[in-house]
C-alpha atoms as a PDB file:
ATOM      1  CA  SER A   1     -19.081 -34.503 -35.206  1.00  0.00           C
ATOM      2  CA  ARG A   2     -16.735 -35.407 -31.977  1.00  0.00           C
ATOM      3  CA  ASP A   3     -16.086 -31.538 -31.973  1.00  0.00           C
ATOM      4  CA  VAL A   4     -19.882 -31.032 -31.551  1.00  0.00           C
ATOM      5  CA  LEU A   5     -20.049 -33.749 -28.892  1.00  0.00           C
ATOM      6  CA  LEU A   6     -17.149 -32.232 -26.790  1.00  0.00           C
ATOM      7  CA  ALA A   7     -18.608 -28.686 -27.285  1.00  0.00           C
ATOM      8  CA  VAL A   8     -21.831 -29.850 -25.673  1.00  0.00           C
ATOM      9  CA  MET A   9     -20.299 -31.773 -22.802  1.00  0.00           C
ATOM     10  CA  SER A  10     -17.869 -29.057 -22.156  1.00  0.00           C
ATOM     11  CA  ALA A  11     -19.393 -27.357 -19.180  1.00  0.00           C
ATOM     12  CA  PRO A  12     -20.348 -29.225 -16.208  1.00  0.00           C
ATOM     13  CA  VAL A  13     -23.797 -28.775 -15.233  1.00  0.00           C
ATOM     14  CA  ASP A  14     -24.717 -25.982 -12.789  1.00  0.00           C
ATOM     15  CA  ASP A  15     -26.672 -27.843 -10.027  1.00  0.00           C
ATOM     16  CA  GLN A  16     -25.881 -30.088  -7.038  1.00  0.00           C
ATOM     17  CA  SER A  17     -21.974 -30.014  -7.595  1.00  0.00           C
ATOM     18  CA  LYS A  18     -21.965 -26.382  -7.609  1.00  0.00           C
ATOM     19  CA  ARG A  19     -23.996 -25.859  -4.585  1.00  0.00           C
ATOM     20  CA  SER A  20     -21.630 -28.462  -2.690  1.00  0.00           C
ATOM     21  CA  GLU A  21     -18.836 -26.311  -3.558  1.00  0.00           C
ATOM     22  CA  GLU A  22     -20.480 -23.043  -2.328  1.00  0.00           C
ATOM     23  CA  ASP A  23     -21.335 -24.915   0.990  1.00  0.00           C
ATOM     24  CA  SER A  24     -17.755 -26.103   1.431  1.00  0.00           C
ATOM     25  CA  SER A  25     -16.822 -22.221   1.832  1.00  0.00           C
ATOM     26  CA  GLN A  26     -19.498 -22.065   4.866  1.00  0.00           C
ATOM     27  CA  THR A  27     -18.069 -22.600   8.443  1.00  0.00           C
ATOM     28  CA  ASN A  28     -20.896 -23.570  10.880  1.00  0.00           C
ATOM     29  CA  GLU A  29     -20.830 -25.026  14.293  1.00  0.00           C
ATOM     30  CA  ILE A  30     -23.277 -26.726  16.847  1.00  0.00           C
ATOM     31  CA  THR A  31     -23.408 -26.639  20.327  1.00  0.00           C
ATOM     32  CA  ILE A  32     -24.170 -29.897  22.433  1.00  0.00           C
ATOM     33  CA  VAL A  33     -25.359 -29.727  25.971  1.00  0.00           C
ATOM     34  CA  ASP A  34     -24.148 -32.726  28.259  1.00  0.00           C
ATOM     35  CA  HIS A  35     -27.083 -32.864  30.665  1.00  0.00           C
ATOM     36  CA  ARG A  36     -25.244 -35.064  33.045  1.00  0.00           C
ATOM     37  CA  THR A  37     -22.769 -32.190  33.695  1.00  0.00           C
ATOM     38  CA  GLY A  38     -24.475 -29.121  32.309  1.00  0.00           C
ATOM     39  CA  LYS A  39     -21.325 -28.533  30.305  1.00  0.00           C
ATOM     40  CA  GLN A  40     -21.771 -27.147  26.671  1.00  0.00           C
ATOM     41  CA  TYR A  41     -19.518 -28.086  23.850  1.00  0.00           C
ATOM     42  CA  ARG A  42     -19.007 -26.169  20.624  1.00  0.00           C
ATOM     43  CA  MET A  43     -18.299 -28.386  17.730  1.00  0.00           C
ATOM     44  CA  PRO A  44     -17.565 -27.129  13.923  1.00  0.00           C
ATOM     45  CA  LEU A  45     -19.387 -28.554  11.158  1.00  0.00           C
ATOM     46  CA  GLN A  46     -17.259 -29.167   8.089  1.00  0.00           C
ATOM     47  CA  HIS A  47     -18.444 -27.898   4.644  1.00  0.00           C
ATOM     48  CA  GLY A  48     -21.499 -26.567   6.541  1.00  0.00           C
ATOM     49  CA  ARG A  49     -23.053 -30.249   7.577  1.00  0.00           C
ATOM     50  CA  TYR A  50     -20.347 -32.693   8.665  1.00  0.00           C
ATOM     51  CA  LEU A  51     -19.567 -33.397  12.090  1.00  0.00           C
ATOM     52  CA  ASN A  52     -15.987 -35.046  13.033  1.00  0.00           C
ATOM     53  CA  SER A  53     -16.887 -37.907  15.075  1.00  0.00           C
ATOM     54  CA  ASN A  54     -13.581 -37.594  16.818  1.00  0.00           C
ATOM     55  CA  ASP A  55     -15.165 -34.258  18.562  1.00  0.00           C
ATOM     56  CA  LEU A  56     -17.324 -36.313  20.551  1.00  0.00           C
ATOM     57  CA  SER A  57     -14.440 -37.912  22.572  1.00  0.00           C
ATOM     58  CA  LYS A  58     -14.165 -34.497  24.316  1.00  0.00           C
ATOM     59  CA  ILE A  59     -17.345 -35.067  26.144  1.00  0.00           C
ATOM     60  CA  GLY A  60     -16.906 -36.911  29.270  1.00  0.00           C
ATOM     61  CA  VAL A  61     -17.565 -36.694  33.038  1.00  0.00           C
ATOM     62  CA  PRO A  62     -14.623 -35.507  35.022  1.00  0.00           C
ATOM     63  CA  GLY A  63     -13.654 -37.996  37.612  1.00  0.00           C
ATOM     64  CA  SER A  64     -15.556 -40.718  36.120  1.00  0.00           C
ATOM     65  CA  THR A  65     -14.324 -43.910  34.785  1.00  0.00           C
ATOM     66  CA  ALA A  66     -16.693 -44.017  31.885  1.00  0.00           C
ATOM     67  CA  GLU A  67     -15.559 -44.174  28.542  1.00  0.00           C
ATOM     68  CA  PRO A  68     -15.598 -40.891  26.240  1.00  0.00           C
ATOM     69  CA  ILE A  69     -18.504 -40.443  24.129  1.00  0.00           C
ATOM     70  CA  VAL A  70     -18.260 -42.616  20.886  1.00  0.00           C
ATOM     71  CA  MET A  71     -20.383 -42.606  17.696  1.00  0.00           C
ATOM     72  CA  PHE A  72     -22.369 -45.827  17.313  1.00  0.00           C
ATOM     73  CA  ASP A  73     -23.669 -46.163  13.763  1.00  0.00           C
ATOM     74  CA  PRO A  74     -24.471 -49.660  12.597  1.00  0.00           C
ATOM     75  CA  GLY A  75     -24.186 -50.187   8.914  1.00  0.00           C
ATOM     76  CA  PHE A  76     -22.966 -46.429   8.465  1.00  0.00           C
ATOM     77  CA  MET A  77     -26.309 -45.336   7.825  1.00  0.00           C
ATOM     78  CA  ASN A  78     -25.450 -41.680   8.758  1.00  0.00           C
ATOM     79  CA  THR A  79     -21.900 -41.673   8.492  1.00  0.00           C
ATOM     80  CA  ALA A  80     -19.643 -39.975   5.629  1.00  0.00           C
ATOM     81  CA  ILE A  81     -16.178 -41.751   5.501  1.00  0.00           C
ATOM     82  CA  ALA A  82     -14.849 -39.444   2.879  1.00  0.00           C
ATOM     83  CA  ARG A  83     -15.553 -36.483   0.480  1.00  0.00           C
ATOM     84  CA  SER A  84     -15.557 -37.336  -3.103  1.00  0.00           C
ATOM     85  CA  ALA A  85     -14.515 -34.849  -5.955  1.00  0.00           C
ATOM     86  CA  VAL A  86     -15.161 -37.675  -8.658  1.00  0.00           C
ATOM     87  CA  SER A  87     -18.959 -38.260  -7.719  1.00  0.00           C
ATOM     88  CA  PHE A  88     -22.022 -37.074  -6.066  1.00  0.00           C
ATOM     89  CA  ILE A  89     -25.207 -38.993  -5.408  1.00  0.00           C
ATOM     90  CA  ASP A  90     -28.328 -37.842  -4.240  1.00  0.00           C
ATOM     91  CA  GLY A  91     -30.578 -40.919  -3.727  1.00  0.00           C
ATOM     92  CA  ASP A  92     -33.870 -39.159  -2.771  1.00  0.00           C
ATOM     93  CA  GLU A  93     -33.614 -36.723  -5.996  1.00  0.00           C
ATOM     94  CA  GLY A  94     -32.382 -39.417  -8.162  1.00  0.00           C
ATOM     95  CA  VAL A  95     -29.269 -37.244  -8.899  1.00  0.00           C
ATOM     96  CA  LEU A  96     -26.023 -38.972  -9.895  1.00  0.00           C
ATOM     97  CA  LEU A  97     -23.008 -37.069 -11.106  1.00  0.00           C
ATOM     98  CA  TYR A  98     -19.626 -37.828 -12.424  1.00  0.00           C
ATOM     99  CA  ARG A  99     -17.195 -34.670 -12.055  1.00  0.00           C
ATOM    100  CA  GLY A 100     -20.217 -32.737 -12.478  1.00  0.00           C
ATOM    101  CA  TYR A 101     -21.930 -34.145 -15.547  1.00  0.00           C
ATOM    102  CA  ARG A 102     -25.204 -36.287 -15.142  1.00  0.00           C
ATOM    103  CA  ILE A 103     -24.997 -39.699 -15.749  1.00  0.00           C
ATOM    104  CA  GLU A 104     -27.848 -39.505 -18.065  1.00  0.00           C
ATOM    105  CA  ASP A 105     -25.834 -36.920 -20.218  1.00  0.00           C
ATOM    106  CA  LEU A 106     -22.799 -38.934 -20.115  1.00  0.00           C
ATOM    107  CA  VAL A 107     -24.732 -42.434 -21.270  1.00  0.00           C
ATOM    108  CA  GLU A 108     -26.382 -40.447 -23.974  1.00  0.00           C
ATOM    109  CA  HIS A 109     -23.657 -38.356 -25.430  1.00  0.00           C
ATOM    110  CA  SER A 110     -20.372 -40.095 -24.401  1.00  0.00           C
ATOM    111  CA  ASN A 111     -18.449 -43.376 -24.378  1.00  0.00           C
ATOM    112  CA  PHE A 112     -16.516 -45.544 -22.480  1.00  0.00           C
ATOM    113  CA  LEU A 113     -12.952 -44.090 -22.869  1.00  0.00           C
ATOM    114  CA  GLU A 114     -14.365 -40.681 -22.700  1.00  0.00           C
ATOM    115  CA  CYS A 115     -15.710 -41.308 -19.448  1.00  0.00           C
ATOM    116  CA  ALA A 116     -12.545 -42.965 -18.199  1.00  0.00           C
ATOM    117  CA  PHE A 117     -10.572 -40.047 -19.026  1.00  0.00           C
ATOM    118  CA  LEU A 118     -13.203 -37.848 -17.415  1.00  0.00           C
ATOM    119  CA  LEU A 119     -13.045 -39.822 -14.033  1.00  0.00           C
ATOM    120  CA  ILE A 120      -9.197 -39.802 -14.023  1.00  0.00           C
ATOM    121  CA  TYR A 121      -8.363 -36.317 -14.935  1.00  0.00           C
ATOM    122  CA  GLY A 122     -11.428 -34.564 -13.881  1.00  0.00           C
ATOM    123  CA  GLU A 123     -12.388 -33.101 -17.546  1.00  0.00           C
ATOM    124  CA  LEU A 124     -13.519 -34.256 -20.899  1.00  0.00           C
ATOM    125  CA  PRO A 125     -10.766 -34.819 -23.447  1.00  0.00           C
ATOM    126  CA  THR A 126     -10.238 -32.548 -26.314  1.00  0.00           C
ATOM    127  CA  LYS A 127     -10.301 -33.956 -29.766  1.00  0.00           C
ATOM    128  CA  LEU A 128      -6.518 -34.148 -29.832  1.00  0.00           C
ATOM    129  CA  GLN A 129      -6.637 -35.712 -26.305  1.00  0.00           C
ATOM    130  CA  TYR A 130      -9.101 -38.356 -26.973  1.00  0.00           C
ATOM    131  CA  GLU A 131      -7.160 -39.625 -30.241  1.00  0.00           C
ATOM    132  CA  GLN A 132      -3.931 -39.554 -28.298  1.00  0.00           C
ATOM    133  CA  TRP A 133      -5.664 -41.419 -25.287  1.00  0.00           C
ATOM    134  CA  CYS A 134      -7.377 -44.076 -27.497  1.00  0.00           C
ATOM    135  CA  THR A 135      -4.280 -44.796 -29.629  1.00  0.00           C
ATOM    136  CA  ARG A 136      -2.035 -45.366 -26.217  1.00  0.00           C
ATOM    137  CA  ILE A 137      -4.622 -47.611 -24.835  1.00  0.00           C
ATOM    138  CA  THR A 138      -5.016 -49.645 -27.867  1.00  0.00           C
ATOM    139  CA  ARG A 139      -1.523 -50.579 -27.761  1.00  0.00           C
ATOM    140  CA  HIS A 140      -2.106 -52.252 -24.526  1.00  0.00           C
ATOM    141  CA  THR A 141      -4.702 -54.715 -25.518  1.00  0.00           C
ATOM    142  CA  TYR A 142      -2.543 -57.524 -26.064  1.00  0.00           C
ATOM    143  CA  LEU A 143      -2.242 -60.178 -23.244  1.00  0.00           C
ATOM    144  CA  HIS A 144       0.770 -62.007 -22.378  1.00  0.00           C
ATOM    145  CA  GLU A 145       0.765 -65.701 -23.193  1.00  0.00           C
ATOM    146  CA  ASN A 146       1.420 -66.585 -19.753  1.00  0.00           C
ATOM    147  CA  LEU A 147      -1.731 -64.789 -18.697  1.00  0.00           C
ATOM    148  CA  ILE A 148      -3.585 -66.691 -21.291  1.00  0.00           C
ATOM    149  CA  GLN A 149      -2.427 -69.881 -19.787  1.00  0.00           C
ATOM    150  CA  HIS A 150      -3.287 -68.654 -16.440  1.00  0.00           C
ATOM    151  CA  LEU A 151      -7.193 -68.072 -17.796  1.00  0.00           C
ATOM    152  CA  LYS A 152      -7.320 -71.699 -19.382  1.00  0.00           C
ATOM    153  CA  THR A 153      -6.522 -73.124 -15.779  1.00  0.00           C
ATOM    154  CA  PHE A 154     -10.078 -71.987 -14.590  1.00  0.00           C
ATOM    155  CA  ARG A 155     -12.996 -74.692 -14.444  1.00  0.00           C
ATOM    156  CA  TYR A 156     -15.266 -74.315 -17.774  1.00  0.00           C
ATOM    157  CA  ASP A 157     -18.109 -73.227 -15.719  1.00  0.00           C
ATOM    158  CA  ALA A 158     -15.982 -70.258 -13.687  1.00  0.00           C
ATOM    159  CA  HIS A 159     -17.754 -67.255 -13.002  1.00  0.00           C
ATOM    160  CA  PRO A 160     -16.381 -64.604 -15.538  1.00  0.00           C
ATOM    161  CA  MET A 161     -16.104 -61.936 -12.739  1.00  0.00           C
ATOM    162  CA  GLY A 162     -14.076 -64.379 -10.724  1.00  0.00           C
ATOM    163  CA  MET A 163     -11.747 -65.087 -13.759  1.00  0.00           C
ATOM    164  CA  LEU A 164     -11.474 -61.095 -14.332  1.00  0.00           C
ATOM    165  CA  ILE A 165     -10.596 -60.173 -10.694  1.00  0.00           C
ATOM    166  CA  SER A 166      -7.857 -62.940 -10.596  1.00  0.00           C
ATOM    167  CA  SER A 167      -6.409 -61.919 -13.809  1.00  0.00           C
ATOM    168  CA  LEU A 168      -6.234 -58.357 -12.815  1.00  0.00           C
ATOM    169  CA  SER A 169      -4.391 -59.431  -9.780  1.00  0.00           C
ATOM    170  CA  ALA A 170      -1.979 -61.768 -11.732  1.00  0.00           C
ATOM    171  CA  LEU A 171      -1.351 -58.682 -14.203  1.00  0.00           C
ATOM    172  CA  SER A 172       0.761 -56.993 -11.275  1.00  0.00           C
ATOM    173  CA  THR A 173       3.237 -60.082 -11.386  1.00  0.00           C
ATOM    174  CA  PHE A 174       3.993 -58.854 -14.907  1.00  0.00           C
ATOM    175  CA  TYR A 175       4.995 -55.237 -14.430  1.00  0.00           C
ATOM    176  CA  PRO A 176       7.473 -55.413 -11.399  1.00  0.00           C
ATOM    177  CA  GLU A 177       8.116 -51.524 -12.339  1.00  0.00           C
ATOM    178  CA  ALA A 178       4.813 -50.716 -11.108  1.00  0.00           C
ATOM    179  CA  ASN A 179       4.842 -52.500  -7.800  1.00  0.00           C
ATOM    180  CA  PRO A 180       5.438 -50.229  -4.779  1.00  0.00           C
ATOM    181  CA  ALA A 181       6.485 -53.278  -2.648  1.00  0.00           C
ATOM    182  CA  LEU A 182       9.557 -53.497  -5.133  1.00  0.00           C
ATOM    183  CA  LYS A 183      10.124 -50.130  -6.328  1.00  0.00           C
ATOM    184  CA  GLY A 184       9.040 -47.999  -3.506  1.00  0.00           C
ATOM    185  CA  THR A 185       5.830 -45.784  -2.921  1.00  0.00           C
ATOM    186  CA  GLY A 186       7.554 -43.068  -4.977  1.00  0.00           C
ATOM    187  CA  ILE A 187       6.153 -44.470  -8.071  1.00  0.00           C
ATOM    188  CA  PHE A 188       2.697 -43.013  -7.068  1.00  0.00           C
ATOM    189  CA  LYS A 189       4.351 -39.507  -7.834  1.00  0.00           C
ATOM    190  CA  ASP A 190       5.766 -40.354 -11.239  1.00  0.00           C
ATOM    191  CA  HIS A 191       3.024 -39.318 -13.609  1.00  0.00           C
ATOM    192  CA  SER A 192       4.480 -41.445 -16.347  1.00  0.00           C
ATOM    193  CA  VAL A 193       4.404 -44.615 -14.356  1.00  0.00           C
ATOM    194  CA  ARG A 194       0.699 -43.872 -13.295  1.00  0.00           C
ATOM    195  CA  ASN A 195      -0.431 -43.023 -16.799  1.00  0.00           C
ATOM    196  CA  LYS A 196       1.207 -46.341 -18.112  1.00  0.00           C
ATOM    197  CA  GLN A 197      -0.847 -48.322 -15.597  1.00  0.00           C
ATOM    198  CA  PHE A 198      -4.068 -46.551 -16.719  1.00  0.00           C
ATOM    199  CA  PHE A 199      -3.335 -47.342 -20.386  1.00  0.00           C
ATOM    200  CA  ARG A 200      -2.818 -50.958 -19.402  1.00  0.00           C
ATOM    201  CA  ILE A 201      -5.859 -51.707 -17.214  1.00  0.00           C
ATOM    202  CA  LEU A 202      -8.080 -50.017 -19.578  1.00  0.00           C
ATOM    203  CA  GLY A 203      -6.602 -51.689 -22.632  1.00  0.00           C
ATOM    204  CA  LYS A 204      -6.219 -55.159 -21.076  1.00  0.00           C
ATOM    205  CA  ILE A 205      -9.743 -55.578 -19.262  1.00  0.00           C
ATOM    206  CA  PRO A 206     -11.967 -55.712 -22.449  1.00  0.00           C
ATOM    207  CA  THR A 207      -9.541 -58.420 -23.932  1.00  0.00           C
ATOM    208  CA  ILE A 208      -9.744 -60.443 -20.488  1.00  0.00           C
ATOM    209  CA  ALA A 209     -13.344 -59.930 -20.474  1.00  0.00           C
ATOM    210  CA  ALA A 210     -13.665 -61.367 -24.038  1.00  0.00           C
ATOM    211  CA  ALA A 211     -11.327 -64.263 -22.983  1.00  0.00           C
ATOM    212  CA  THR A 212     -13.485 -65.046 -20.191  1.00  0.00           C
ATOM    213  CA  PHE A 213     -16.534 -65.358 -22.364  1.00  0.00           C
ATOM    214  CA  ARG A 214     -14.936 -67.290 -24.888  1.00  0.00           C
ATOM    215  CA  HIS A 215     -13.744 -69.646 -22.049  1.00  0.00           C
ATOM    216  CA  ARG A 216     -17.392 -69.956 -20.887  1.00  0.00           C
ATOM    217  CA  ILE A 217     -18.526 -71.154 -23.871  1.00  0.00           C
ATOM    218  CA  GLY A 218     -15.813 -73.504 -24.553  1.00  0.00           C
ATOM    219  CA  ARG A 219     -14.253 -71.511 -27.520  1.00  0.00           C
ATOM    220  CA  PRO A 220     -10.496 -70.846 -28.526  1.00  0.00           C
ATOM    221  CA  TYR A 221      -9.708 -67.203 -27.146  1.00  0.00           C
ATOM    222  CA  ASN A 222      -8.567 -65.938 -30.525  1.00  0.00           C
END
């Protein structure tokens, strides 16, 4: 039953994600010696391992016209641009977590809408939450007739991903109340507006995907 499923998935795994949180409470620092001047620079490590590259700009030669030190990392091979609470990956160990759950467990025990709830809200839904979640998303599966006409303007051999992406962009013109350019950035703080966009996107993407498939094989959309 779903109650059993949610009970199985109710507790995040106690592994990499937990250790990552433990590391975040540690404050370390490193010392860099500039052999040109003999000066030492103490720089903090965030979460025990991350060096803020802006700190390197403090290193320079007094009286010199040389530019301050700048981090050079082609391809961002060793640069972290953000710290995510949504996912964790360790390619060497083959670990991929979403909100603390192993991807293997989610694939085996969960489904698309449960995982969407997990990614957005940080935890798996209860039975009641899941039922309400599915009901509200299902109400937004229909497509406006104008959007269907937009889909029909594509060539018969148009790539489905291109059709999907452009259709999602077109959706923004149907809902001006969710456009920050028209309503201001305050809408991002409105939970009801944000949630409705979740329902709309999750409800309409499968319908748009189905329409692109029907378009590709030359069949009517419904």
